[in-house]
């Protein structure tokens, strides 16, 4: 059986990161629009944005503390997974 190319994993990570980057741009635009309109929805969106960032940071800190991030590739995959879930959820909710 041929040995898999290590660069193939990084190529997949780059593609996944590019998708996350594009989705994050849409979320920033949608959130900016909502916040510009002001009112209770803007305040709620701002609070939600901050709490999601803190939640993601704590989740990644936990992964680091428990040793789940054994390699740079594993760390990258975990980061893309954590932030990707939040970004995709927000894109569906806001779009």
PDB file of N, CA and C in Angstrom:
ATOM      1  N   UNK A   1       0.841  -1.170   0.000  1.00  0.00           N
ATOM      2  CA  UNK A   1       0.000   0.000   0.000  1.00  0.00           C
ATOM      3  C   UNK A   1       0.891   1.239   0.000  1.00  0.00           C
ATOM      4  N   UNK A   2       0.623   2.216  -0.876  1.00  0.00           N
ATOM      5  CA  UNK A   2       1.478   3.402  -0.914  1.00  0.00           C
ATOM      6  C   UNK A   2       1.303   4.247   0.346  1.00  0.00           C
ATOM      7  N   UNK A   3       2.381   4.822   0.712  1.00  0.00           N
ATOM      8  CA  UNK A   3       2.391   5.673   1.905  1.00  0.00           C
ATOM      9  C   UNK A   3       1.745   7.025   1.573  1.00  0.00           C
ATOM     10  N   UNK A   4       0.813   7.493   2.422  1.00  0.00           N
ATOM     11  CA  UNK A   4       0.171   8.782   2.127  1.00  0.00           C
ATOM     12  C   UNK A   4       1.169   9.927   2.222  1.00  0.00           C
ATOM     13  N   UNK A   5       0.940  10.920   1.406  1.00  0.00           N
ATOM     14  CA  UNK A   5       1.818  12.078   1.403  1.00  0.00           C
ATOM     15  C   UNK A   5       1.458  12.999   2.573  1.00  0.00           C
ATOM     16  N   UNK A   6       2.441  13.370   3.417  1.00  0.00           N
ATOM     17  CA  UNK A   6       2.134  14.262   4.532  1.00  0.00           C
ATOM     18  C   UNK A   6       1.628  15.625   4.061  1.00  0.00           C
ATOM     19  N   UNK A   7       2.078  16.057   2.886  1.00  0.00           N
ATOM     20  CA  UNK A   7       1.641  17.366   2.396  1.00  0.00           C
ATOM     21  C   UNK A   7       0.162  17.366   2.033  1.00  0.00           C
ATOM     22  N   UNK A   8      -0.400  16.189   1.743  1.00  0.00           N
ATOM     23  CA  UNK A   8      -1.818  16.115   1.389  1.00  0.00           C
ATOM     24  C   UNK A   8      -2.695  16.548   2.552  1.00  0.00           C
ATOM     25  N   UNK A   9      -2.309  16.196   3.784  1.00  0.00           N
ATOM     26  CA  UNK A   9      -3.076  16.608   4.954  1.00  0.00           C
ATOM     27  C   UNK A   9      -3.063  18.125   5.090  1.00  0.00           C
ATOM     28  N   UNK A  10      -1.900  18.728   4.869  1.00  0.00           N
ATOM     29  CA  UNK A  10      -1.804  20.186   4.975  1.00  0.00           C
ATOM     30  C   UNK A  10      -2.571  20.866   3.849  1.00  0.00           C
ATOM     31  N   UNK A  11      -2.601  20.244   2.685  1.00  0.00           N
ATOM     32  CA  UNK A  11      -3.383  20.804   1.578  1.00  0.00           C
ATOM     33  C   UNK A  11      -4.860  20.842   1.950  1.00  0.00           C
ATOM     34  N   UNK A  12      -5.359  19.763   2.542  1.00  0.00           N
ATOM     35  CA  UNK A  12      -6.755  19.732   2.985  1.00  0.00           C
ATOM     36  C   UNK A  12      -7.015  20.787   4.053  1.00  0.00           C
ATOM     37  N   UNK A  13      -6.070  20.969   4.950  1.00  0.00           N
ATOM     38  CA  UNK A  13      -6.220  21.981   5.993  1.00  0.00           C
ATOM     39  C   UNK A  13      -6.283  23.383   5.390  1.00  0.00           C
ATOM     40  N   UNK A  14      -5.474  23.621   4.374  1.00  0.00           N
ATOM     41  CA  UNK A  14      -5.476  24.938   3.721  1.00  0.00           C
ATOM     42  C   UNK A  14      -6.815  25.186   3.032  1.00  0.00           C
ATOM     43  N   UNK A  15      -7.355  24.176   2.386  1.00  0.00           N
ATOM     44  CA  UNK A  15      -8.663  24.318   1.733  1.00  0.00           C
ATOM     45  C   UNK A  15      -9.741  24.590   2.783  1.00  0.00           C
ATOM     46  N   UNK A  16      -9.710  23.838   3.883  1.00  0.00           N
ATOM     47  CA  UNK A  16     -10.685  24.048   4.955  1.00  0.00           C
ATOM     48  C   UNK A  16     -10.547  25.444   5.567  1.00  0.00           C
ATOM     49  N   UNK A  17      -9.315  25.894   5.738  1.00  0.00           N
ATOM     50  CA  UNK A  17      -9.090  27.237   6.282  1.00  0.00           C
ATOM     51  C   UNK A  17      -9.597  28.305   5.320  1.00  0.00           C
ATOM     52  N   UNK A  18      -9.465  28.076   4.041  1.00  0.00           N
ATOM     53  CA  UNK A  18      -9.969  29.030   3.045  1.00  0.00           C
ATOM     54  C   UNK A  18     -11.485  29.125   3.095  1.00  0.00           C
ATOM     55  N   UNK A  19     -12.156  27.995   3.274  1.00  0.00           N
ATOM     56  CA  UNK A  19     -13.615  28.010   3.408  1.00  0.00           C
ATOM     57  C   UNK A  19     -14.026  28.760   4.667  1.00  0.00           C
ATOM     58  N   UNK A  20     -13.312  28.516   5.757  1.00  0.00           N
ATOM     59  CA  UNK A  20     -13.603  29.220   7.008  1.00  0.00           C
ATOM     60  C   UNK A  20     -13.396  30.722   6.836  1.00  0.00           C
ATOM     61  N   UNK A  21     -12.340  31.102   6.140  1.00  0.00           N
ATOM     62  CA  UNK A  21     -12.044  32.524   5.903  1.00  0.00           C
ATOM     63  C   UNK A  21     -13.183  33.187   5.131  1.00  0.00           C
ATOM     64  N   UNK A  22     -13.675  32.519   4.092  1.00  0.00           N
ATOM     65  CA  UNK A  22     -14.760  33.084   3.292  1.00  0.00           C
ATOM     66  C   UNK A  22     -16.047  33.191   4.107  1.00  0.00           C
ATOM     67  N   UNK A  23     -16.364  32.142   4.864  1.00  0.00           N
ATOM     68  CA  UNK A  23     -17.565  32.173   5.699  1.00  0.00           C
ATOM     69  C   UNK A  23     -17.460  33.246   6.778  1.00  0.00           C
ATOM     70  N   UNK A  24     -16.277  33.387   7.367  1.00  0.00           N
ATOM     71  CA  UNK A  24     -16.086  34.397   8.417  1.00  0.00           C
ATOM     72  C   UNK A  24     -16.296  35.804   7.864  1.00  0.00           C
ATOM     73  N   UNK A  25     -15.871  36.041   6.634  1.00  0.00           N
ATOM     74  CA  UNK A  25     -16.087  37.346   6.011  1.00  0.00           C
ATOM     75  C   UNK A  25     -17.562  37.671   5.867  1.00  0.00           C
ATOM     76  N   UNK A  26     -18.344  36.652   5.494  1.00  0.00           N
ATOM     77  CA  UNK A  26     -19.788  36.865   5.382  1.00  0.00           C
ATOM     78  C   UNK A  26     -20.406  37.161   6.745  1.00  0.00           C
ATOM     79  N   UNK A  27     -19.965  36.436   7.770  1.00  0.00           N
ATOM     80  CA  UNK A  27     -20.497  36.656   9.117  1.00  0.00           C
ATOM     81  C   UNK A  27     -20.156  38.061   9.602  1.00  0.00           C
ATOM     82  N   UNK A  28     -18.935  38.518   9.337  1.00  0.00           N
ATOM     83  CA  UNK A  28     -18.548  39.878   9.731  1.00  0.00           C
ATOM     84  C   UNK A  28     -19.456  40.900   9.058  1.00  0.00           C
ATOM     85  N   UNK A  29     -19.733  40.703   7.776  1.00  0.00           N
ATOM     86  CA  UNK A  29     -20.605  41.635   7.057  1.00  0.00           C
ATOM     87  C   UNK A  29     -22.022  41.616   7.623  1.00  0.00           C
ATOM     88  N   UNK A  30     -22.565  40.415   7.844  1.00  0.00           N
ATOM     89  CA  UNK A  30     -23.920  40.311   8.395  1.00  0.00           C
ATOM     90  C   UNK A  30     -24.005  40.932   9.788  1.00  0.00           C
ATOM     91  N   UNK A  31     -22.998  40.649  10.620  1.00  0.00           N
ATOM     92  CA  UNK A  31     -23.011  41.189  11.983  1.00  0.00           C
ATOM     93  C   UNK A  31     -22.838  42.702  11.968  1.00  0.00           C
ATOM     94  N   UNK A  32     -21.992  43.197  11.121  1.00  0.00           N
ATOM     95  CA  UNK A  32     -21.786  44.646  11.022  1.00  0.00           C
ATOM     96  C   UNK A  32     -23.090  45.330  10.642  1.00  0.00           C
ATOM     97  N   UNK A  33     -23.801  44.736   9.694  1.00  0.00           N
ATOM     98  CA  UNK A  33     -25.075  45.298   9.260  1.00  0.00           C
ATOM     99  C   UNK A  33     -26.061  45.335  10.429  1.00  0.00           C
ATOM    100  N   UNK A  34     -26.123  44.248  11.167  1.00  0.00           N
ATOM    101  CA  UNK A  34     -27.055  44.175  12.293  1.00  0.00           C
ATOM    102  C   UNK A  34     -26.678  45.180  13.382  1.00  0.00           C
ATOM    103  N   UNK A  35     -25.404  45.315  13.671  1.00  0.00           N
ATOM    104  CA  UNK A  35     -24.956  46.235  14.716  1.00  0.00           C
ATOM    105  C   UNK A  35     -25.157  47.681  14.279  1.00  0.00           C
ATOM    106  N   UNK A  36     -24.964  47.966  12.990  1.00  0.00           N
ATOM    107  CA  UNK A  36     -25.166  49.339  12.490  1.00  0.00           C
ATOM    108  C   UNK A  36     -26.607  49.792  12.659  1.00  0.00           C
ATOM    109  N   UNK A  37     -27.538  48.858  12.609  1.00  0.00           N
ATOM    110  CA  UNK A  37     -28.944  49.211  12.759  1.00  0.00           C
ATOM    111  C   UNK A  37     -29.291  49.581  14.199  1.00  0.00           C
ATOM    112  N   UNK A  38     -28.441  49.180  15.143  1.00  0.00           N
ATOM    113  CA  UNK A  38     -28.651  49.555  16.533  1.00  0.00           C
ATOM    114  C   UNK A  38     -29.817  48.838  17.182  1.00  0.00           C
ATOM    115  N   UNK A  39     -30.162  49.311  18.373  1.00  0.00           N
ATOM    116  CA  UNK A  39     -31.292  48.756  19.107  1.00  0.00           C
ATOM    117  C   UNK A  39     -30.928  47.509  19.894  1.00  0.00           C
ATOM    118  N   UNK A  40     -31.970  46.847  20.355  1.00  0.00           N
ATOM    119  CA  UNK A  40     -31.791  45.664  21.199  1.00  0.00           C
ATOM    120  C   UNK A  40     -31.116  44.522  20.434  1.00  0.00           C
ATOM    121  N   UNK A  41     -31.444  44.361  19.152  1.00  0.00           N
ATOM    122  CA  UNK A  41     -30.833  43.289  18.350  1.00  0.00           C
ATOM    123  C   UNK A  41     -29.326  43.499  18.224  1.00  0.00           C
ATOM    124  N   UNK A  42     -28.901  44.748  18.108  1.00  0.00           N
ATOM    125  CA  UNK A  42     -27.471  45.045  17.998  1.00  0.00           C
ATOM    126  C   UNK A  42     -26.751  44.705  19.297  1.00  0.00           C
ATOM    127  N   UNK A  43     -27.343  45.084  20.416  1.00  0.00           N
ATOM    128  CA  UNK A  43     -26.721  44.791  21.711  1.00  0.00           C
ATOM    129  C   UNK A  43     -26.645  43.286  21.936  1.00  0.00           C
ATOM    130  N   UNK A  44     -27.704  42.587  21.588  1.00  0.00           N
ATOM    131  CA  UNK A  44     -27.727  41.135  21.747  1.00  0.00           C
ATOM    132  C   UNK A  44     -26.678  40.472  20.850  1.00  0.00           C
ATOM    133  N   UNK A  45     -26.545  40.950  19.628  1.00  0.00           N
ATOM    134  CA  UNK A  45     -25.565  40.379  18.694  1.00  0.00           C
ATOM    135  C   UNK A  45     -24.144  40.615  19.193  1.00  0.00           C
ATOM    136  N   UNK A  46     -23.897  41.811  19.725  1.00  0.00           N
ATOM    137  CA  UNK A  46     -22.567  42.125  20.238  1.00  0.00           C
ATOM    138  C   UNK A  46     -22.223  41.232  21.427  1.00  0.00           C
ATOM    139  N   UNK A  47     -23.160  41.052  22.343  1.00  0.00           N
ATOM    140  CA  UNK A  47     -22.925  40.172  23.493  1.00  0.00           C
ATOM    141  C   UNK A  47     -22.701  38.730  23.047  1.00  0.00           C
ATOM    142  N   UNK A  48     -23.484  38.293  22.080  1.00  0.00           N
ATOM    143  CA  UNK A  48     -23.338  36.936  21.569  1.00  0.00           C
ATOM    144  C   UNK A  48     -21.958  36.746  20.934  1.00  0.00           C
ATOM    145  N   UNK A  49     -21.526  37.730  20.171  1.00  0.00           N
ATOM    146  CA  UNK A  49     -20.230  37.664  19.510  1.00  0.00           C
ATOM    147  C   UNK A  49     -19.109  37.500  20.541  1.00  0.00           C
ATOM    148  N   UNK A  50     -19.144  38.308  21.583  1.00  0.00           N
ATOM    149  CA  UNK A  50     -18.104  38.220  22.607  1.00  0.00           C
ATOM    150  C   UNK A  50     -18.145  36.893  23.356  1.00  0.00           C
ATOM    151  N   UNK A  51     -19.336  36.438  23.708  1.00  0.00           N
ATOM    152  CA  UNK A  51     -19.432  35.181  24.455  1.00  0.00           C
ATOM    153  C   UNK A  51     -18.971  33.992  23.606  1.00  0.00           C
ATOM    154  N   UNK A  52     -19.253  34.015  22.299  1.00  0.00           N
ATOM    155  CA  UNK A  52     -18.796  32.935  21.426  1.00  0.00           C
ATOM    156  C   UNK A  52     -17.277  32.895  21.331  1.00  0.00           C
ATOM    157  N   UNK A  53     -16.677  34.063  21.264  1.00  0.00           N
ATOM    158  CA  UNK A  53     -15.207  34.104  21.176  1.00  0.00           C
ATOM    159  C   UNK A  53     -14.576  33.581  22.465  1.00  0.00           C
ATOM    160  N   UNK A  54     -15.156  33.951  23.601  1.00  0.00           N
ATOM    161  CA  UNK A  54     -14.639  33.455  24.882  1.00  0.00           C
ATOM    162  C   UNK A  54     -14.838  31.946  24.994  1.00  0.00           C
ATOM    163  N   UNK A  55     -15.996  31.460  24.591  1.00  0.00           N
ATOM    164  CA  UNK A  55     -16.286  30.022  24.636  1.00  0.00           C
ATOM    165  C   UNK A  55     -15.287  29.248  23.776  1.00  0.00           C
ATOM    166  N   UNK A  56     -15.034  29.737  22.574  1.00  0.00           N
ATOM    167  CA  UNK A  56     -14.083  29.064  21.682  1.00  0.00           C
ATOM    168  C   UNK A  56     -12.676  29.078  22.281  1.00  0.00           C
ATOM    169  N   UNK A  57     -12.299  30.198  22.872  1.00  0.00           N
ATOM    170  CA  UNK A  57     -10.977  30.285  23.497  1.00  0.00           C
ATOM    171  C   UNK A  57     -10.819  29.309  24.645  1.00  0.00           C
ATOM    172  N   UNK A  58     -11.841  29.193  25.488  1.00  0.00           N
ATOM    173  CA  UNK A  58     -11.789  28.242  26.605  1.00  0.00           C
ATOM    174  C   UNK A  58     -11.756  26.803  26.098  1.00  0.00           C
ATOM    175  N   UNK A  59     -12.508  26.522  25.050  1.00  0.00           N
ATOM    176  CA  UNK A  59     -12.508  25.172  24.489  1.00  0.00           C
ATOM    177  C   UNK A  59     -11.118  24.807  23.961  1.00  0.00           C
ATOM    178  N   UNK A  60     -10.478  25.737  23.268  1.00  0.00           N
ATOM    179  CA  UNK A  60      -9.132  25.476  22.751  1.00  0.00           C
ATOM    180  C   UNK A  60      -8.109  25.385  23.873  1.00  0.00           C
ATOM    181  N   UNK A  61      -8.260  26.203  24.903  1.00  0.00           N
ATOM    182  CA  UNK A  61      -7.345  26.125  26.049  1.00  0.00           C
ATOM    183  C   UNK A  61      -7.470  24.765  26.732  1.00  0.00           C
ATOM    184  N   UNK A  62      -8.698  24.260  26.836  1.00  0.00           N
ATOM    185  CA  UNK A  62      -8.906  22.936  27.413  1.00  0.00           C
ATOM    186  C   UNK A  62      -8.255  21.845  26.583  1.00  0.00           C
ATOM    187  N   UNK A  63      -8.367  21.971  25.268  1.00  0.00           N
ATOM    188  CA  UNK A  63      -7.736  20.982  24.380  1.00  0.00           C
ATOM    189  C   UNK A  63      -6.219  21.013  24.542  1.00  0.00           C
ATOM    190  N   UNK A  64      -5.676  22.186  24.686  1.00  0.00           N
ATOM    191  CA  UNK A  64      -4.226  22.322  24.877  1.00  0.00           C
ATOM    192  C   UNK A  64      -3.806  21.745  26.222  1.00  0.00           C
ATOM    193  N   UNK A  65      -4.573  22.041  27.267  1.00  0.00           N
ATOM    194  CA  UNK A  65      -4.229  21.585  28.617  1.00  0.00           C
ATOM    195  C   UNK A  65      -4.325  20.073  28.759  1.00  0.00           C
ATOM    196  N   UNK A  66      -5.246  19.450  28.032  1.00  0.00           N
ATOM    197  CA  UNK A  66      -5.427  17.998  28.161  1.00  0.00           C
ATOM    198  C   UNK A  66      -4.556  17.206  27.201  1.00  0.00           C
ATOM    199  N   UNK A  67      -3.797  17.884  26.360  1.00  0.00           N
ATOM    200  CA  UNK A  67      -2.876  17.197  25.467  1.00  0.00           C
ATOM    201  C   UNK A  67      -3.496  16.684  24.186  1.00  0.00           C
ATOM    202  N   UNK A  68      -4.707  17.147  23.848  1.00  0.00           N
ATOM    203  CA  UNK A  68      -5.331  16.702  22.595  1.00  0.00           C
ATOM    204  C   UNK A  68      -4.626  17.268  21.374  1.00  0.00           C
ATOM    205  N   UNK A  69      -3.837  18.301  21.563  1.00  0.00           N
ATOM    206  CA  UNK A  69      -3.152  18.945  20.438  1.00  0.00           C
ATOM    207  C   UNK A  69      -1.714  18.456  20.380  1.00  0.00           C
ATOM    208  N   UNK A  70      -1.560  17.217  19.954  1.00  0.00           N
ATOM    209  CA  UNK A  70      -0.258  16.559  19.995  1.00  0.00           C
ATOM    210  C   UNK A  70       0.689  16.995  18.881  1.00  0.00           C
ATOM    211  N   UNK A  71       0.155  17.612  17.833  1.00  0.00           N
ATOM    212  CA  UNK A  71       0.999  18.007  16.709  1.00  0.00           C
ATOM    213  C   UNK A  71       0.467  19.315  16.139  1.00  0.00           C
ATOM    214  N   UNK A  72       1.270  20.005  15.347  1.00  0.00           N
ATOM    215  CA  UNK A  72       0.765  21.221  14.699  1.00  0.00           C
ATOM    216  C   UNK A  72      -0.457  20.945  13.825  1.00  0.00           C
ATOM    217  N   UNK A  73      -0.465  19.806  13.166  1.00  0.00           N
ATOM    218  CA  UNK A  73      -1.607  19.453  12.331  1.00  0.00           C
ATOM    219  C   UNK A  73      -2.859  19.243  13.182  1.00  0.00           C
ATOM    220  N   UNK A  74      -2.718  18.565  14.309  1.00  0.00           N
ATOM    221  CA  UNK A  74      -3.862  18.339  15.202  1.00  0.00           C
ATOM    222  C   UNK A  74      -4.370  19.660  15.768  1.00  0.00           C
ATOM    223  N   UNK A  75      -3.453  20.554  16.105  1.00  0.00           N
ATOM    224  CA  UNK A  75      -3.850  21.866  16.628  1.00  0.00           C
ATOM    225  C   UNK A  75      -4.600  22.655  15.567  1.00  0.00           C
ATOM    226  N   UNK A  76      -4.109  22.629  14.345  1.00  0.00           N
ATOM    227  CA  UNK A  76      -4.764  23.343  13.256  1.00  0.00           C
ATOM    228  C   UNK A  76      -6.148  22.776  13.003  1.00  0.00           C
ATOM    229  N   UNK A  77      -6.260  21.463  12.985  1.00  0.00           N
ATOM    230  CA  UNK A  77      -7.548  20.814  12.753  1.00  0.00           C
ATOM    231  C   UNK A  77      -8.528  21.165  13.879  1.00  0.00           C
ATOM    232  N   UNK A  78      -8.067  21.171  15.116  1.00  0.00           N
ATOM    233  CA  UNK A  78      -8.926  21.515  16.259  1.00  0.00           C
ATOM    234  C   UNK A  78      -9.407  22.965  16.174  1.00  0.00           C
ATOM    235  N   UNK A  79      -8.497  23.860  15.844  1.00  0.00           N
ATOM    236  CA  UNK A  79      -8.852  25.284  15.725  1.00  0.00           C
ATOM    237  C   UNK A  79      -9.881  25.484  14.621  1.00  0.00           C
ATOM    238  N   UNK A  80      -9.653  24.851  13.471  1.00  0.00           N
ATOM    239  CA  UNK A  80     -10.613  24.968  12.369  1.00  0.00           C
ATOM    240  C   UNK A  80     -11.967  24.383  12.764  1.00  0.00           C
ATOM    241  N   UNK A  81     -11.944  23.307  13.521  1.00  0.00           N
ATOM    242  CA  UNK A  81     -13.198  22.691  13.947  1.00  0.00           C
ATOM    243  C   UNK A  81     -13.980  23.570  14.908  1.00  0.00           C
ATOM    244  N   UNK A  82     -13.287  24.102  15.910  1.00  0.00           N
ATOM    245  CA  UNK A  82     -13.954  24.930  16.923  1.00  0.00           C
ATOM    246  C   UNK A  82     -14.507  26.206  16.301  1.00  0.00           C
ATOM    247  N   UNK A  83     -13.664  26.941  15.613  1.00  0.00           N
ATOM    248  CA  UNK A  83     -14.126  28.193  15.021  1.00  0.00           C
ATOM    249  C   UNK A  83     -15.087  27.943  13.861  1.00  0.00           C
ATOM    250  N   UNK A  84     -14.863  26.860  13.132  1.00  0.00           N
ATOM    251  CA  UNK A  84     -15.735  26.534  12.011  1.00  0.00           C
ATOM    252  C   UNK A  84     -17.172  26.291  12.443  1.00  0.00           C
ATOM    253  N   UNK A  85     -17.361  25.588  13.563  1.00  0.00           N
ATOM    254  CA  UNK A  85     -18.722  25.344  14.057  1.00  0.00           C
ATOM    255  C   UNK A  85     -19.441  26.655  14.347  1.00  0.00           C
ATOM    256  N   UNK A  86     -18.753  27.571  15.024  1.00  0.00           N
ATOM    257  CA  UNK A  86     -19.362  28.858  15.363  1.00  0.00           C
ATOM    258  C   UNK A  86     -19.651  29.678  14.107  1.00  0.00           C
ATOM    259  N   UNK A  87     -18.697  29.730  13.208  1.00  0.00           N
ATOM    260  CA  UNK A  87     -18.860  30.551  12.000  1.00  0.00           C
ATOM    261  C   UNK A  87     -19.992  30.011  11.124  1.00  0.00           C
ATOM    262  N   UNK A  88     -20.032  28.698  10.910  1.00  0.00           N
ATOM    263  CA  UNK A  88     -21.101  28.122  10.086  1.00  0.00           C
ATOM    264  C   UNK A  88     -22.471  28.338  10.722  1.00  0.00           C
ATOM    265  N   UNK A  89     -22.540  28.181  12.025  1.00  0.00           N
ATOM    266  CA  UNK A  89     -23.805  28.421  12.727  1.00  0.00           C
ATOM    267  C   UNK A  89     -24.256  29.866  12.568  1.00  0.00           C
ATOM    268  N   UNK A  90     -23.331  30.783  12.717  1.00  0.00           N
ATOM    269  CA  UNK A  90     -23.672  32.208  12.572  1.00  0.00           C
ATOM    270  C   UNK A  90     -24.048  32.553  11.141  1.00  0.00           C
ATOM    271  N   UNK A  91     -23.377  31.961  10.180  1.00  0.00           N
ATOM    272  CA  UNK A  91     -23.712  32.232   8.781  1.00  0.00           C
ATOM    273  C   UNK A  91     -25.135  31.797   8.471  1.00  0.00           C
ATOM    274  N   UNK A  92     -25.515  30.618   8.968  1.00  0.00           N
ATOM    275  CA  UNK A  92     -26.896  30.136   8.755  1.00  0.00           C
ATOM    276  C   UNK A  92     -27.895  31.028   9.482  1.00  0.00           C
ATOM    277  N   UNK A  93     -27.569  31.410  10.701  1.00  0.00           N
ATOM    278  CA  UNK A  93     -28.494  32.208  11.507  1.00  0.00           C
ATOM    279  C   UNK A  93     -28.660  33.607  10.956  1.00  0.00           C
ATOM    280  N   UNK A  94     -27.580  34.236  10.535  1.00  0.00           N
ATOM    281  CA  UNK A  94     -27.620  35.618  10.093  1.00  0.00           C
ATOM    282  C   UNK A  94     -27.961  35.774   8.617  1.00  0.00           C
ATOM    283  N   UNK A  95     -27.617  34.772   7.813  1.00  0.00           N
ATOM    284  CA  UNK A  95     -27.806  34.881   6.365  1.00  0.00           C
ATOM    285  C   UNK A  95     -29.169  34.542   5.981  1.00  0.00           C
TER     286      UNK A  95
END
